[in-house]
Amino acid sequence: MPSVNMRQLRDTRRLKAWLRAGKTVELRERDKLIAKIVPEKEEKPSVKWPDFEAIAKEIIGDRVLPNVILEDRGRY
C-alpha cells in the first residue's frame, strides 16, 4: 500500500494517480499512521441491451442478404 507524508501531499498528481488506480493511500506523519485515504467505488449502471439478433431474425427471417453496399463502392 503506498504511503505519503504531510509534505508529499503537495504532489497531488501522484496521489490522484494512485486513487484512480483503486489503491488505498496511507497518510503518515513522522512514520506514524494518521489516516487512510480510500478511493470511492464507482457503481456503473447496468445497461440492458436489446437482443438485436432476435429482432433481425423477426424482421428478416432466415434469408441471407447480399452484401450490395460493398460491391457498389468499388475499391473504396
Protein backbone atom coordinates (compact mmCIF):
# COMPACT_ATOMS: atom_id res chain seq x y z
CA MET A 1 0.00 0.00 0.00
CA PRO A 2 1.51 3.35 -0.98
CA SER A 3 2.05 5.93 1.71
CA VAL A 4 2.75 9.66 1.73
CA ASN A 5 3.79 12.05 4.45
CA MET A 6 2.37 15.52 5.03
CA ARG A 7 4.93 17.23 2.76
CA GLN A 8 4.39 14.79 -0.07
CA LEU A 9 0.69 15.67 -0.14
CA ARG A 10 1.65 18.66 -2.28
CA ASP A 11 2.31 16.22 -5.12
CA THR A 12 -1.35 15.71 -5.94
CA ARG A 13 -0.67 14.12 -9.34
CA ARG A 14 0.87 11.03 -7.81
CA LEU A 15 -1.82 10.85 -5.12
CA LYS A 16 -4.63 11.14 -7.69
CA ALA A 17 -3.00 8.52 -9.90
CA TRP A 18 -2.92 6.03 -7.02
CA LEU A 19 -6.52 6.77 -6.09
CA ARG A 20 -7.72 6.44 -9.70
CA ALA A 21 -5.95 3.08 -9.85
CA GLY A 22 -8.04 1.99 -6.86
CA LYS A 23 -5.24 1.94 -4.29
CA THR A 24 -5.70 2.96 -0.66
CA VAL A 25 -3.08 5.52 0.39
CA GLU A 26 -1.71 5.86 3.92
CA LEU A 27 -1.10 9.36 5.27
CA ARG A 28 1.81 9.44 7.72
CA GLU A 29 3.48 12.00 9.95
CA ARG A 30 6.94 11.06 11.20
CA ASP A 31 6.35 7.41 10.29
CA LYS A 32 3.17 7.35 12.35
CA LEU A 33 -0.05 6.43 10.56
CA ILE A 34 -2.57 9.28 10.73
CA ALA A 35 -5.18 8.31 8.17
CA LYS A 36 -6.01 6.16 5.19
CA ILE A 37 -7.34 7.75 2.02
CA VAL A 38 -9.69 5.30 0.35
CA PRO A 39 -10.86 5.78 -3.25
CA GLU A 40 -14.58 5.98 -3.84
CA LYS A 41 -16.04 3.00 -5.64
CA GLU A 42 -17.98 3.86 -8.75
CA GLU A 43 -21.09 1.87 -9.38
CA LYS A 44 -21.62 1.53 -13.08
CA PRO A 45 -25.26 1.45 -14.06
CA SER A 46 -26.14 -1.78 -15.77
CA VAL A 47 -27.45 -1.28 -19.27
CA LYS A 48 -29.77 -3.88 -20.71
CA TRP A 49 -29.22 -4.01 -24.44
CA PRO A 50 -31.97 -5.29 -26.70
CA ASP A 51 -31.48 -8.63 -28.43
CA PHE A 52 -30.55 -7.33 -31.88
CA GLU A 53 -30.15 -10.80 -33.34
CA ALA A 54 -33.68 -11.79 -32.34
CA ILE A 55 -35.10 -8.54 -33.73
CA ALA A 56 -33.27 -9.01 -37.04
CA LYS A 57 -34.47 -12.61 -37.28
CA GLU A 58 -38.03 -11.47 -36.61
CA ILE A 59 -37.84 -8.85 -39.38
CA ILE A 60 -35.73 -10.67 -41.99
CA GLY A 61 -36.30 -14.30 -41.11
CA ASP A 62 -33.80 -16.91 -42.30
CA ARG A 63 -32.96 -15.10 -45.55
CA VAL A 64 -29.35 -14.28 -46.32
CA LEU A 65 -28.96 -10.76 -47.67
CA PRO A 66 -26.30 -10.00 -50.27
CA ASN A 67 -23.59 -7.51 -49.42
CA VAL A 68 -24.71 -4.97 -52.04
CA ILE A 69 -23.25 -1.91 -50.36
CA LEU A 70 -19.63 -3.04 -50.54
CA GLU A 71 -19.98 -4.23 -54.13
CA ASP A 72 -21.30 -0.84 -55.23
CA ARG A 73 -18.49 1.08 -53.60
CA GLY A 74 -15.79 -0.36 -55.79
CA ARG A 75 -12.33 -0.20 -54.34
CA TYR A 76 -13.32 2.24 -51.58
